[in-house]
């Protein structure tokens, strides 16, 4: 009897030991940052958990928050649409790689006008978001939309209230169009918006403000804009074409980009391709080259390697654009630095 008990105890110990070792191998990881990729990261995380059993928790708190949290080592990876500069990457010991591409869209709420029916060029958009143009029937807007009966409705600007990579991309685009905008409003994660502006937290907050305020205009990532069935401005690109944001236009904007630069962050704004969406951006993942927890470092690499190779269709269904295959290989090579 004692022998049987010992055998049973041994089997139980072996079972518990196996369970412990499996549990130890499966590292749950956390990330935080940009709201721009929130939809795709959470979709990837759900599919990844089903495939591997490993959990990934990502919180959309804004790009500035993501950079702060990874630098504070309170998360295993950070997310940012505003790429961290080379010197800052080196100083902090961070690796930065793009994960997916998308569009920052210009959306509006003007009763009687459907998506794509309002045309703007870059300078006029800069004057609107800079507070110089305050009515929808302003001659500058009317001149780009001949034959349309534009209302004398006040324009309300909807913008991000948090530090945002979406704001970084959008304001850098507008600063390329107008020196006045660059001087008066600025370009960065946070800027000096004019008085006729309301803030919203995250891309969803901006989208909600545009939807509830007649005459509102704002900037939202393409995934949130599509999810909320919002109306897009047709924006004139550098080649002179009026483009409504779509995945092909994002891919065309990135077609000539050189991702071999340090930090893998080429400028995708205002590209010359005839079909390029002017406000195209990539979003980036940040992790430490040398982390304190090797298991979690490996789990970060495993998650993004799996997602880049298995989650492209999911990203496309949400309105994002997958990285080209050659860039995926470059990302995988760069992530080998994460130890």
C-alpha atoms as a PDB file:
ATOM      1  CA  UNK A   1       0.000   0.000   0.000  1.00  0.00           C
ATOM      2  CA  UNK A   2       2.827   2.345   0.960  1.00  0.00           C
ATOM      3  CA  UNK A   3       4.542   1.473  -2.338  1.00  0.00           C
ATOM      4  CA  UNK A   4       1.380   2.356  -4.261  1.00  0.00           C
ATOM      5  CA  UNK A   5       1.054   5.619  -2.368  1.00  0.00           C
ATOM      6  CA  UNK A   6       4.650   6.494  -3.198  1.00  0.00           C
ATOM      7  CA  UNK A   7       4.017   5.669  -6.852  1.00  0.00           C
ATOM      8  CA  UNK A   8       0.891   7.829  -6.847  1.00  0.00           C
ATOM      9  CA  UNK A   9       2.754  10.660  -5.155  1.00  0.00           C
ATOM     10  CA  UNK A  10       5.507  10.379  -7.718  1.00  0.00           C
ATOM     11  CA  UNK A  11       3.030  10.482 -10.596  1.00  0.00           C
ATOM     12  CA  UNK A  12       1.296  13.497  -9.061  1.00  0.00           C
ATOM     13  CA  UNK A  13       4.612  15.276  -8.600  1.00  0.00           C
ATOM     14  CA  UNK A  14       5.546  14.537 -12.207  1.00  0.00           C
ATOM     15  CA  UNK A  15       2.201  15.839 -13.420  1.00  0.00           C
ATOM     16  CA  UNK A  16       2.526  19.005 -11.352  1.00  0.00           C
ATOM     17  CA  UNK A  17       6.083  19.466 -12.546  1.00  0.00           C
ATOM     18  CA  UNK A  18       4.983  19.150 -16.185  1.00  0.00           C
ATOM     19  CA  UNK A  19       2.149  21.602 -15.630  1.00  0.00           C
ATOM     20  CA  UNK A  20       4.557  24.042 -14.000  1.00  0.00           C
ATOM     21  CA  UNK A  21       7.068  23.791 -16.816  1.00  0.00           C
ATOM     22  CA  UNK A  22       4.378  24.343 -19.481  1.00  0.00           C
ATOM     23  CA  UNK A  23       3.038  27.317 -17.520  1.00  0.00           C
ATOM     24  CA  UNK A  24       6.533  28.728 -17.174  1.00  0.00           C
ATOM     25  CA  UNK A  25       7.102  28.463 -20.920  1.00  0.00           C
ATOM     26  CA  UNK A  26       3.917  30.392 -21.747  1.00  0.00           C
ATOM     27  CA  UNK A  27       4.688  34.041 -20.947  1.00  0.00           C
ATOM     28  CA  UNK A  28       1.839  36.521 -20.947  1.00  0.00           C
ATOM     29  CA  UNK A  29       2.954  39.947 -22.149  1.00  0.00           C
ATOM     30  CA  UNK A  30       1.583  43.463 -21.978  1.00  0.00           C
ATOM     31  CA  UNK A  31       1.905  46.410 -24.330  1.00  0.00           C
ATOM     32  CA  UNK A  32       0.575  49.953 -24.435  1.00  0.00           C
ATOM     33  CA  UNK A  33       0.655  52.955 -26.705  1.00  0.00           C
ATOM     34  CA  UNK A  34      -0.813  54.164 -29.989  1.00  0.00           C
ATOM     35  CA  UNK A  35      -4.559  53.843 -30.518  1.00  0.00           C
ATOM     36  CA  UNK A  36      -3.973  53.749 -34.293  1.00  0.00           C
ATOM     37  CA  UNK A  37      -3.057  49.984 -34.286  1.00  0.00           C
ATOM     38  CA  UNK A  38      -5.297  49.062 -31.326  1.00  0.00           C
ATOM     39  CA  UNK A  39      -7.872  47.277 -33.492  1.00  0.00           C
ATOM     40  CA  UNK A  40      -5.313  45.123 -35.282  1.00  0.00           C
ATOM     41  CA  UNK A  41      -3.170  44.383 -32.209  1.00  0.00           C
ATOM     42  CA  UNK A  42      -6.205  43.179 -30.256  1.00  0.00           C
ATOM     43  CA  UNK A  43      -7.359  41.089 -33.214  1.00  0.00           C
ATOM     44  CA  UNK A  44      -3.892  39.574 -33.543  1.00  0.00           C
ATOM     45  CA  UNK A  45      -3.769  38.912 -29.797  1.00  0.00           C
ATOM     46  CA  UNK A  46      -7.091  37.065 -29.881  1.00  0.00           C
ATOM     47  CA  UNK A  47      -5.993  34.857 -32.788  1.00  0.00           C
ATOM     48  CA  UNK A  48      -2.534  34.329 -31.277  1.00  0.00           C
ATOM     49  CA  UNK A  49      -4.012  33.131 -27.995  1.00  0.00           C
ATOM     50  CA  UNK A  50      -6.248  30.673 -29.846  1.00  0.00           C
ATOM     51  CA  UNK A  51      -3.254  29.361 -31.784  1.00  0.00           C
ATOM     52  CA  UNK A  52      -0.676  29.232 -28.989  1.00  0.00           C
ATOM     53  CA  UNK A  53      -2.415  29.686 -25.649  1.00  0.00           C
ATOM     54  CA  UNK A  54      -0.272  32.732 -24.879  1.00  0.00           C
ATOM     55  CA  UNK A  55      -1.929  36.004 -23.878  1.00  0.00           C
ATOM     56  CA  UNK A  56      -1.100  39.501 -25.128  1.00  0.00           C
ATOM     57  CA  UNK A  57      -2.775  42.504 -23.514  1.00  0.00           C
ATOM     58  CA  UNK A  58      -2.489  45.807 -25.398  1.00  0.00           C
ATOM     59  CA  UNK A  59      -3.879  49.097 -24.100  1.00  0.00           C
ATOM     60  CA  UNK A  60      -4.485  52.023 -26.468  1.00  0.00           C
ATOM     61  CA  UNK A  61      -3.306  55.021 -24.424  1.00  0.00           C
ATOM     62  CA  UNK A  62      -1.674  57.148 -27.133  1.00  0.00           C
ATOM     63  CA  UNK A  63       1.812  57.106 -28.621  1.00  0.00           C
ATOM     64  CA  UNK A  64       3.324  59.434 -26.018  1.00  0.00           C
ATOM     65  CA  UNK A  65       2.063  57.177 -23.255  1.00  0.00           C
ATOM     66  CA  UNK A  66       3.428  54.107 -25.004  1.00  0.00           C
ATOM     67  CA  UNK A  67       6.918  55.570 -25.294  1.00  0.00           C
ATOM     68  CA  UNK A  68       6.821  56.672 -21.641  1.00  0.00           C
ATOM     69  CA  UNK A  69       5.696  53.246 -20.452  1.00  0.00           C
ATOM     70  CA  UNK A  70       8.319  51.258 -22.344  1.00  0.00           C
ATOM     71  CA  UNK A  71      11.015  53.646 -21.118  1.00  0.00           C
ATOM     72  CA  UNK A  72       9.679  53.205 -17.571  1.00  0.00           C
ATOM     73  CA  UNK A  73       9.728  49.412 -18.134  1.00  0.00           C
ATOM     74  CA  UNK A  74       6.115  49.036 -17.006  1.00  0.00           C
ATOM     75  CA  UNK A  75       5.187  47.168 -20.230  1.00  0.00           C
ATOM     76  CA  UNK A  76       6.908  44.540 -22.339  1.00  0.00           C
ATOM     77  CA  UNK A  77       6.491  46.520 -25.564  1.00  0.00           C
ATOM     78  CA  UNK A  78       5.356  49.981 -26.546  1.00  0.00           C
ATOM     79  CA  UNK A  79       3.375  51.189 -29.533  1.00  0.00           C
ATOM     80  CA  UNK A  80       3.936  54.492 -31.317  1.00  0.00           C
ATOM     81  CA  UNK A  81       2.904  56.007 -34.638  1.00  0.00           C
ATOM     82  CA  UNK A  82       5.490  58.745 -34.126  1.00  0.00           C
ATOM     83  CA  UNK A  83       8.824  57.001 -34.682  1.00  0.00           C
ATOM     84  CA  UNK A  84      11.400  57.485 -31.946  1.00  0.00           C
ATOM     85  CA  UNK A  85      14.527  59.245 -33.213  1.00  0.00           C
ATOM     86  CA  UNK A  86      17.740  57.310 -33.740  1.00  0.00           C
ATOM     87  CA  UNK A  87      19.619  59.049 -30.934  1.00  0.00           C
ATOM     88  CA  UNK A  88      16.802  58.352 -28.462  1.00  0.00           C
ATOM     89  CA  UNK A  89      16.645  54.689 -29.502  1.00  0.00           C
ATOM     90  CA  UNK A  90      20.374  54.308 -28.914  1.00  0.00           C
ATOM     91  CA  UNK A  91      20.285  56.179 -25.606  1.00  0.00           C
ATOM     92  CA  UNK A  92      17.449  54.020 -24.248  1.00  0.00           C
ATOM     93  CA  UNK A  93      18.663  50.737 -25.751  1.00  0.00           C
ATOM     94  CA  UNK A  94      15.447  50.238 -27.708  1.00  0.00           C
ATOM     95  CA  UNK A  95      14.670  48.351 -30.906  1.00  0.00           C
ATOM     96  CA  UNK A  96      12.004  49.896 -33.158  1.00  0.00           C
ATOM     97  CA  UNK A  97      10.240  48.078 -35.995  1.00  0.00           C
ATOM     98  CA  UNK A  98       7.159  48.837 -38.119  1.00  0.00           C
ATOM     99  CA  UNK A  99       4.287  46.377 -37.805  1.00  0.00           C
ATOM    100  CA  UNK A 100       1.561  47.577 -40.178  1.00  0.00           C
ATOM    101  CA  UNK A 101       0.725  50.590 -42.328  1.00  0.00           C
ATOM    102  CA  UNK A 102      -2.381  52.704 -42.569  1.00  0.00           C
ATOM    103  CA  UNK A 103      -3.906  56.055 -43.352  1.00  0.00           C
ATOM    104  CA  UNK A 104      -4.708  59.072 -41.236  1.00  0.00           C
ATOM    105  CA  UNK A 105      -7.985  60.175 -42.780  1.00  0.00           C
ATOM    106  CA  UNK A 106      -9.730  63.552 -42.816  1.00  0.00           C
ATOM    107  CA  UNK A 107     -13.356  63.004 -41.810  1.00  0.00           C
ATOM    108  CA  UNK A 108     -16.291  65.414 -41.634  1.00  0.00           C
ATOM    109  CA  UNK A 109     -19.912  65.741 -40.605  1.00  0.00           C
ATOM    110  CA  UNK A 110     -21.733  68.027 -43.020  1.00  0.00           C
ATOM    111  CA  UNK A 111     -25.421  67.129 -43.470  1.00  0.00           C
ATOM    112  CA  UNK A 112     -26.329  66.687 -47.123  1.00  0.00           C
ATOM    113  CA  UNK A 113     -22.811  65.712 -48.230  1.00  0.00           C
ATOM    114  CA  UNK A 114     -21.726  62.092 -48.618  1.00  0.00           C
ATOM    115  CA  UNK A 115     -18.268  60.612 -48.237  1.00  0.00           C
ATOM    116  CA  UNK A 116     -15.871  61.854 -50.901  1.00  0.00           C
ATOM    117  CA  UNK A 117     -18.113  64.742 -52.007  1.00  0.00           C
ATOM    118  CA  UNK A 118     -15.989  67.429 -50.353  1.00  0.00           C
ATOM    119  CA  UNK A 119     -12.580  68.055 -51.953  1.00  0.00           C
ATOM    120  CA  UNK A 120      -9.690  69.752 -50.181  1.00  0.00           C
ATOM    121  CA  UNK A 121      -6.067  70.393 -51.037  1.00  0.00           C
ATOM    122  CA  UNK A 122      -3.269  70.409 -48.494  1.00  0.00           C
ATOM    123  CA  UNK A 123      -3.078  74.187 -48.076  1.00  0.00           C
ATOM    124  CA  UNK A 124      -6.821  74.564 -47.553  1.00  0.00           C
ATOM    125  CA  UNK A 125      -6.828  71.703 -45.060  1.00  0.00           C
ATOM    126  CA  UNK A 126      -3.975  73.421 -43.197  1.00  0.00           C
ATOM    127  CA  UNK A 127      -5.927  76.690 -43.136  1.00  0.00           C
ATOM    128  CA  UNK A 128      -8.992  74.882 -41.768  1.00  0.00           C
ATOM    129  CA  UNK A 129      -7.108  73.054 -39.012  1.00  0.00           C
ATOM    130  CA  UNK A 130      -5.072  76.186 -38.327  1.00  0.00           C
ATOM    131  CA  UNK A 131      -8.259  78.152 -37.618  1.00  0.00           C
ATOM    132  CA  UNK A 132      -7.927  80.525 -40.583  1.00  0.00           C
ATOM    133  CA  UNK A 133     -10.997  79.097 -42.372  1.00  0.00           C
ATOM    134  CA  UNK A 134     -13.994  78.882 -40.030  1.00  0.00           C
ATOM    135  CA  UNK A 135     -17.050  78.416 -42.328  1.00  0.00           C
ATOM    136  CA  UNK A 136     -17.842  75.626 -44.794  1.00  0.00           C
ATOM    137  CA  UNK A 137     -18.803  78.103 -47.529  1.00  0.00           C
ATOM    138  CA  UNK A 138     -15.446  79.905 -47.321  1.00  0.00           C
ATOM    139  CA  UNK A 139     -14.257  80.896 -50.844  1.00  0.00           C
ATOM    140  CA  UNK A 140     -11.193  78.644 -50.539  1.00  0.00           C
ATOM    141  CA  UNK A 141     -13.365  75.551 -49.992  1.00  0.00           C
ATOM    142  CA  UNK A 142     -15.957  76.691 -52.557  1.00  0.00           C
ATOM    143  CA  UNK A 143     -13.247  77.143 -55.176  1.00  0.00           C
ATOM    144  CA  UNK A 144     -12.250  73.477 -54.834  1.00  0.00           C
ATOM    145  CA  UNK A 145     -15.883  72.341 -54.990  1.00  0.00           C
ATOM    146  CA  UNK A 146     -17.524  74.166 -57.930  1.00  0.00           C
ATOM    147  CA  UNK A 147     -21.229  73.613 -58.375  1.00  0.00           C
ATOM    148  CA  UNK A 148     -21.787  72.557 -54.770  1.00  0.00           C
ATOM    149  CA  UNK A 149     -24.046  74.596 -52.497  1.00  0.00           C
ATOM    150  CA  UNK A 150     -21.915  74.762 -49.363  1.00  0.00           C
ATOM    151  CA  UNK A 151     -23.692  75.885 -46.159  1.00  0.00           C
ATOM    152  CA  UNK A 152     -22.726  78.807 -43.950  1.00  0.00           C
ATOM    153  CA  UNK A 153     -22.057  76.297 -41.169  1.00  0.00           C
ATOM    154  CA  UNK A 154     -19.337  76.910 -38.599  1.00  0.00           C
ATOM    155  CA  UNK A 155     -16.401  74.491 -38.731  1.00  0.00           C
ATOM    156  CA  UNK A 156     -15.526  72.730 -35.482  1.00  0.00           C
ATOM    157  CA  UNK A 157     -12.112  71.079 -35.390  1.00  0.00           C
ATOM    158  CA  UNK A 158     -11.948  67.727 -33.592  1.00  0.00           C
ATOM    159  CA  UNK A 159      -8.454  66.774 -32.432  1.00  0.00           C
ATOM    160  CA  UNK A 160      -6.652  64.428 -30.077  1.00  0.00           C
ATOM    161  CA  UNK A 161      -6.438  65.582 -26.464  1.00  0.00           C
ATOM    162  CA  UNK A 162      -3.705  63.068 -25.618  1.00  0.00           C
ATOM    163  CA  UNK A 163      -0.142  62.863 -26.930  1.00  0.00           C
ATOM    164  CA  UNK A 164      -0.668  61.088 -30.217  1.00  0.00           C
ATOM    165  CA  UNK A 165       1.285  59.614 -33.095  1.00  0.00           C
ATOM    166  CA  UNK A 166      -1.792  60.153 -35.270  1.00  0.00           C
ATOM    167  CA  UNK A 167      -1.479  63.856 -34.443  1.00  0.00           C
ATOM    168  CA  UNK A 168       2.252  63.638 -35.188  1.00  0.00           C
ATOM    169  CA  UNK A 169       1.645  62.273 -38.697  1.00  0.00           C
ATOM    170  CA  UNK A 170      -1.265  64.598 -39.448  1.00  0.00           C
ATOM    171  CA  UNK A 171       0.361  67.816 -38.250  1.00  0.00           C
ATOM    172  CA  UNK A 172       3.645  66.991 -39.964  1.00  0.00           C
ATOM    173  CA  UNK A 173       1.692  66.587 -43.205  1.00  0.00           C
ATOM    174  CA  UNK A 174      -0.065  69.953 -42.698  1.00  0.00           C
ATOM    175  CA  UNK A 175       3.234  71.622 -41.777  1.00  0.00           C
ATOM    176  CA  UNK A 176       4.594  70.493 -45.169  1.00  0.00           C
ATOM    177  CA  UNK A 177       1.686  72.312 -46.825  1.00  0.00           C
ATOM    178  CA  UNK A 178       1.737  75.586 -44.898  1.00  0.00           C
ATOM    179  CA  UNK A 179       4.466  77.531 -43.141  1.00  0.00           C
ATOM    180  CA  UNK A 180       1.721  79.445 -41.286  1.00  0.00           C
ATOM    181  CA  UNK A 181       0.377  76.176 -39.847  1.00  0.00           C
ATOM    182  CA  UNK A 182       3.886  75.084 -38.865  1.00  0.00           C
ATOM    183  CA  UNK A 183       4.488  78.430 -37.135  1.00  0.00           C
ATOM    184  CA  UNK A 184       1.120  78.891 -35.427  1.00  0.00           C
ATOM    185  CA  UNK A 185       0.021  75.330 -34.616  1.00  0.00           C
ATOM    186  CA  UNK A 186       3.198  73.291 -34.873  1.00  0.00           C
ATOM    187  CA  UNK A 187       3.957  69.658 -35.702  1.00  0.00           C
ATOM    188  CA  UNK A 188       4.278  66.871 -33.157  1.00  0.00           C
ATOM    189  CA  UNK A 189       2.437  64.567 -30.754  1.00  0.00           C
ATOM    190  CA  UNK A 190       0.785  67.608 -29.156  1.00  0.00           C
ATOM    191  CA  UNK A 191       0.300  71.032 -30.777  1.00  0.00           C
ATOM    192  CA  UNK A 192      -1.391  74.398 -30.196  1.00  0.00           C
ATOM    193  CA  UNK A 193      -4.835  73.936 -31.710  1.00  0.00           C
ATOM    194  CA  UNK A 194      -6.986  77.030 -32.429  1.00  0.00           C
ATOM    195  CA  UNK A 195      -9.966  78.152 -30.366  1.00  0.00           C
ATOM    196  CA  UNK A 196     -12.652  76.503 -32.556  1.00  0.00           C
ATOM    197  CA  UNK A 197     -11.388  73.048 -31.563  1.00  0.00           C
ATOM    198  CA  UNK A 198     -12.565  70.262 -29.253  1.00  0.00           C
ATOM    199  CA  UNK A 199     -10.362  67.469 -27.930  1.00  0.00           C
ATOM    200  CA  UNK A 200     -11.124  63.768 -27.771  1.00  0.00           C
ATOM    201  CA  UNK A 201      -9.194  60.926 -26.155  1.00  0.00           C
ATOM    202  CA  UNK A 202      -7.798  58.484 -28.667  1.00  0.00           C
ATOM    203  CA  UNK A 203      -8.955  58.044 -32.253  1.00  0.00           C
ATOM    204  CA  UNK A 204     -12.371  56.863 -30.965  1.00  0.00           C
ATOM    205  CA  UNK A 205     -12.782  60.160 -29.053  1.00  0.00           C
ATOM    206  CA  UNK A 206     -12.071  62.244 -32.158  1.00  0.00           C
ATOM    207  CA  UNK A 207     -14.456  60.101 -34.216  1.00  0.00           C
ATOM    208  CA  UNK A 208     -17.215  60.507 -31.608  1.00  0.00           C
ATOM    209  CA  UNK A 209     -16.870  64.295 -31.608  1.00  0.00           C
ATOM    210  CA  UNK A 210     -17.077  64.487 -35.398  1.00  0.00           C
ATOM    211  CA  UNK A 211     -20.151  62.280 -35.436  1.00  0.00           C
ATOM    212  CA  UNK A 212     -22.084  64.298 -32.866  1.00  0.00           C
ATOM    213  CA  UNK A 213     -21.197  67.858 -33.990  1.00  0.00           C
ATOM    214  CA  UNK A 214     -22.711  69.111 -37.244  1.00  0.00           C
ATOM    215  CA  UNK A 215     -20.022  70.964 -39.196  1.00  0.00           C
ATOM    216  CA  UNK A 216     -17.175  69.130 -37.485  1.00  0.00           C
ATOM    217  CA  UNK A 217     -13.973  68.030 -39.200  1.00  0.00           C
ATOM    218  CA  UNK A 218     -11.276  65.822 -37.718  1.00  0.00           C
ATOM    219  CA  UNK A 219      -8.504  63.329 -38.371  1.00  0.00           C
ATOM    220  CA  UNK A 220      -8.919  59.643 -37.555  1.00  0.00           C
ATOM    221  CA  UNK A 221      -7.081  56.449 -38.445  1.00  0.00           C
ATOM    222  CA  UNK A 222      -8.689  54.506 -41.257  1.00  0.00           C
ATOM    223  CA  UNK A 223      -9.755  51.565 -39.057  1.00  0.00           C
ATOM    224  CA  UNK A 224     -11.799  53.742 -36.694  1.00  0.00           C
ATOM    225  CA  UNK A 225     -13.188  55.745 -39.624  1.00  0.00           C
ATOM    226  CA  UNK A 226     -14.323  52.577 -41.414  1.00  0.00           C
ATOM    227  CA  UNK A 227     -15.751  51.053 -38.230  1.00  0.00           C
ATOM    228  CA  UNK A 228     -17.842  54.176 -37.645  1.00  0.00           C
ATOM    229  CA  UNK A 229     -18.889  54.529 -41.320  1.00  0.00           C
ATOM    230  CA  UNK A 230     -17.547  58.091 -41.443  1.00  0.00           C
ATOM    231  CA  UNK A 231     -17.441  60.482 -44.392  1.00  0.00           C
ATOM    232  CA  UNK A 232     -14.003  61.019 -45.941  1.00  0.00           C
ATOM    233  CA  UNK A 233     -12.620  64.198 -47.485  1.00  0.00           C
ATOM    234  CA  UNK A 234     -11.164  63.630 -50.967  1.00  0.00           C
ATOM    235  CA  UNK A 235      -7.666  65.052 -50.502  1.00  0.00           C
ATOM    236  CA  UNK A 236      -5.452  66.307 -53.323  1.00  0.00           C
ATOM    237  CA  UNK A 237      -2.117  64.506 -53.394  1.00  0.00           C
ATOM    238  CA  UNK A 238       1.255  65.705 -54.599  1.00  0.00           C
ATOM    239  CA  UNK A 239       0.590  64.367 -58.112  1.00  0.00           C
ATOM    240  CA  UNK A 240      -2.599  66.452 -58.340  1.00  0.00           C
ATOM    241  CA  UNK A 241      -5.111  63.614 -57.887  1.00  0.00           C
ATOM    242  CA  UNK A 242      -8.010  63.815 -55.440  1.00  0.00           C
ATOM    243  CA  UNK A 243      -7.887  60.619 -53.399  1.00  0.00           C
ATOM    244  CA  UNK A 244     -10.329  59.050 -50.962  1.00  0.00           C
ATOM    245  CA  UNK A 245      -8.298  56.955 -48.485  1.00  0.00           C
ATOM    246  CA  UNK A 246      -8.095  53.272 -49.332  1.00  0.00           C
ATOM    247  CA  UNK A 247      -5.646  50.410 -48.933  1.00  0.00           C
ATOM    248  CA  UNK A 248      -4.306  50.584 -52.483  1.00  0.00           C
ATOM    249  CA  UNK A 249      -3.498  54.289 -52.065  1.00  0.00           C
ATOM    250  CA  UNK A 250      -1.613  53.528 -48.816  1.00  0.00           C
ATOM    251  CA  UNK A 251       0.351  50.730 -50.481  1.00  0.00           C
ATOM    252  CA  UNK A 252       1.195  53.000 -53.421  1.00  0.00           C
ATOM    253  CA  UNK A 253       2.415  55.724 -51.055  1.00  0.00           C
ATOM    254  CA  UNK A 254       4.799  53.244 -49.417  1.00  0.00           C
ATOM    255  CA  UNK A 255       5.916  51.556 -52.628  1.00  0.00           C
ATOM    256  CA  UNK A 256       9.148  53.525 -52.944  1.00  0.00           C
ATOM    257  CA  UNK A 257       9.984  53.815 -49.241  1.00  0.00           C
ATOM    258  CA  UNK A 258      13.392  52.775 -47.910  1.00  0.00           C
ATOM    259  CA  UNK A 259      12.853  50.868 -44.655  1.00  0.00           C
ATOM    260  CA  UNK A 260      16.592  50.227 -44.276  1.00  0.00           C
ATOM    261  CA  UNK A 261      17.082  53.452 -42.308  1.00  0.00           C
ATOM    262  CA  UNK A 262      17.861  53.251 -38.579  1.00  0.00           C
ATOM    263  CA  UNK A 263      14.635  52.638 -36.696  1.00  0.00           C
ATOM    264  CA  UNK A 264      12.991  51.483 -39.950  1.00  0.00           C
ATOM    265  CA  UNK A 265      10.963  54.720 -40.162  1.00  0.00           C
ATOM    266  CA  UNK A 266      10.985  56.300 -43.638  1.00  0.00           C
ATOM    267  CA  UNK A 267       8.850  59.381 -44.285  1.00  0.00           C
ATOM    268  CA  UNK A 268       5.672  58.167 -46.030  1.00  0.00           C
ATOM    269  CA  UNK A 269       3.915  61.549 -46.096  1.00  0.00           C
ATOM    270  CA  UNK A 270       2.993  63.336 -49.336  1.00  0.00           C
ATOM    271  CA  UNK A 271       4.626  60.835 -51.682  1.00  0.00           C
ATOM    272  CA  UNK A 272       4.722  61.462 -55.445  1.00  0.00           C
ATOM    273  CA  UNK A 273       2.921  58.340 -56.734  1.00  0.00           C
ATOM    274  CA  UNK A 274      -0.166  59.389 -58.720  1.00  0.00           C
ATOM    275  CA  UNK A 275      -2.431  57.238 -56.511  1.00  0.00           C
ATOM    276  CA  UNK A 276      -0.690  57.886 -53.168  1.00  0.00           C
ATOM    277  CA  UNK A 277      -2.786  58.764 -50.130  1.00  0.00           C
ATOM    278  CA  UNK A 278      -0.970  61.863 -48.794  1.00  0.00           C
ATOM    279  CA  UNK A 279      -1.185  61.014 -45.073  1.00  0.00           C
ATOM    280  CA  UNK A 280       0.215  57.494 -45.009  1.00  0.00           C
ATOM    281  CA  UNK A 281       2.057  56.230 -41.956  1.00  0.00           C
ATOM    282  CA  UNK A 282       3.409  53.083 -40.402  1.00  0.00           C
ATOM    283  CA  UNK A 283       2.968  52.210 -36.744  1.00  0.00           C
ATOM    284  CA  UNK A 284       5.886  50.956 -34.676  1.00  0.00           C
ATOM    285  CA  UNK A 285       6.651  48.486 -31.903  1.00  0.00           C
ATOM    286  CA  UNK A 286       9.323  49.332 -29.319  1.00  0.00           C
ATOM    287  CA  UNK A 287      11.136  46.820 -27.111  1.00  0.00           C
ATOM    288  CA  UNK A 288      14.413  46.668 -25.230  1.00  0.00           C
ATOM    289  CA  UNK A 289      17.474  45.127 -26.869  1.00  0.00           C
ATOM    290  CA  UNK A 290      18.398  43.649 -23.501  1.00  0.00           C
ATOM    291  CA  UNK A 291      15.458  43.085 -21.188  1.00  0.00           C
ATOM    292  CA  UNK A 292      15.414  41.820 -17.626  1.00  0.00           C
ATOM    293  CA  UNK A 293      13.084  38.898 -18.446  1.00  0.00           C
ATOM    294  CA  UNK A 294      14.362  36.730 -21.306  1.00  0.00           C
ATOM    295  CA  UNK A 295      11.115  34.728 -21.459  1.00  0.00           C
ATOM    296  CA  UNK A 296       9.001  37.836 -21.992  1.00  0.00           C
ATOM    297  CA  UNK A 297      11.482  39.287 -24.487  1.00  0.00           C
ATOM    298  CA  UNK A 298      11.171  36.098 -26.518  1.00  0.00           C
ATOM    299  CA  UNK A 299       7.381  36.214 -26.162  1.00  0.00           C
ATOM    300  CA  UNK A 300       7.311  39.723 -27.685  1.00  0.00           C
ATOM    301  CA  UNK A 301       9.328  38.527 -30.681  1.00  0.00           C
ATOM    302  CA  UNK A 302       7.202  35.387 -31.016  1.00  0.00           C
ATOM    303  CA  UNK A 303       3.943  37.375 -30.991  1.00  0.00           C
ATOM    304  CA  UNK A 304       4.971  39.847 -33.657  1.00  0.00           C
ATOM    305  CA  UNK A 305       6.680  37.173 -35.789  1.00  0.00           C
ATOM    306  CA  UNK A 306       3.489  35.104 -35.683  1.00  0.00           C
ATOM    307  CA  UNK A 307       1.298  38.148 -36.407  1.00  0.00           C
ATOM    308  CA  UNK A 308       3.368  39.379 -39.358  1.00  0.00           C
ATOM    309  CA  UNK A 309       3.220  35.926 -40.926  1.00  0.00           C
ATOM    310  CA  UNK A 310      -0.335  34.899 -40.013  1.00  0.00           C
ATOM    311  CA  UNK A 311      -2.270  38.096 -39.382  1.00  0.00           C
ATOM    312  CA  UNK A 312      -2.026  40.009 -42.660  1.00  0.00           C
ATOM    313  CA  UNK A 313      -5.562  39.171 -43.794  1.00  0.00           C
ATOM    314  CA  UNK A 314      -6.915  40.256 -40.396  1.00  0.00           C
ATOM    315  CA  UNK A 315      -5.113  43.595 -40.761  1.00  0.00           C
ATOM    316  CA  UNK A 316      -6.478  44.121 -44.265  1.00  0.00           C
ATOM    317  CA  UNK A 317     -10.036  43.349 -43.129  1.00  0.00           C
ATOM    318  CA  UNK A 318      -9.704  46.189 -40.610  1.00  0.00           C
ATOM    319  CA  UNK A 319      -8.521  48.672 -43.244  1.00  0.00           C
ATOM    320  CA  UNK A 320      -4.772  48.443 -42.595  1.00  0.00           C
ATOM    321  CA  UNK A 321      -2.095  47.617 -45.159  1.00  0.00           C
ATOM    322  CA  UNK A 322       0.362  44.813 -44.606  1.00  0.00           C
ATOM    323  CA  UNK A 323       4.092  45.408 -44.760  1.00  0.00           C
ATOM    324  CA  UNK A 324       5.639  44.192 -48.037  1.00  0.00           C
ATOM    325  CA  UNK A 325       7.205  40.693 -47.740  1.00  0.00           C
ATOM    326  CA  UNK A 326      10.752  42.060 -48.038  1.00  0.00           C
ATOM    327  CA  UNK A 327      10.073  44.497 -45.181  1.00  0.00           C
ATOM    328  CA  UNK A 328       8.664  41.670 -43.023  1.00  0.00           C
ATOM    329  CA  UNK A 329      11.987  39.844 -43.470  1.00  0.00           C
ATOM    330  CA  UNK A 330      13.840  43.000 -42.446  1.00  0.00           C
ATOM    331  CA  UNK A 331      11.650  43.316 -39.341  1.00  0.00           C
ATOM    332  CA  UNK A 332      12.301  39.703 -38.387  1.00  0.00           C
ATOM    333  CA  UNK A 333      16.042  40.262 -38.743  1.00  0.00           C
ATOM    334  CA  UNK A 334      15.876  43.452 -36.635  1.00  0.00           C
ATOM    335  CA  UNK A 335      13.869  41.694 -33.893  1.00  0.00           C
ATOM    336  CA  UNK A 336      16.705  39.200 -33.428  1.00  0.00           C
ATOM    337  CA  UNK A 337      18.404  42.002 -31.468  1.00  0.00           C
ATOM    338  CA  UNK A 338      15.702  41.683 -28.789  1.00  0.00           C
ATOM    339  CA  UNK A 339      17.249  39.404 -26.140  1.00  0.00           C
END
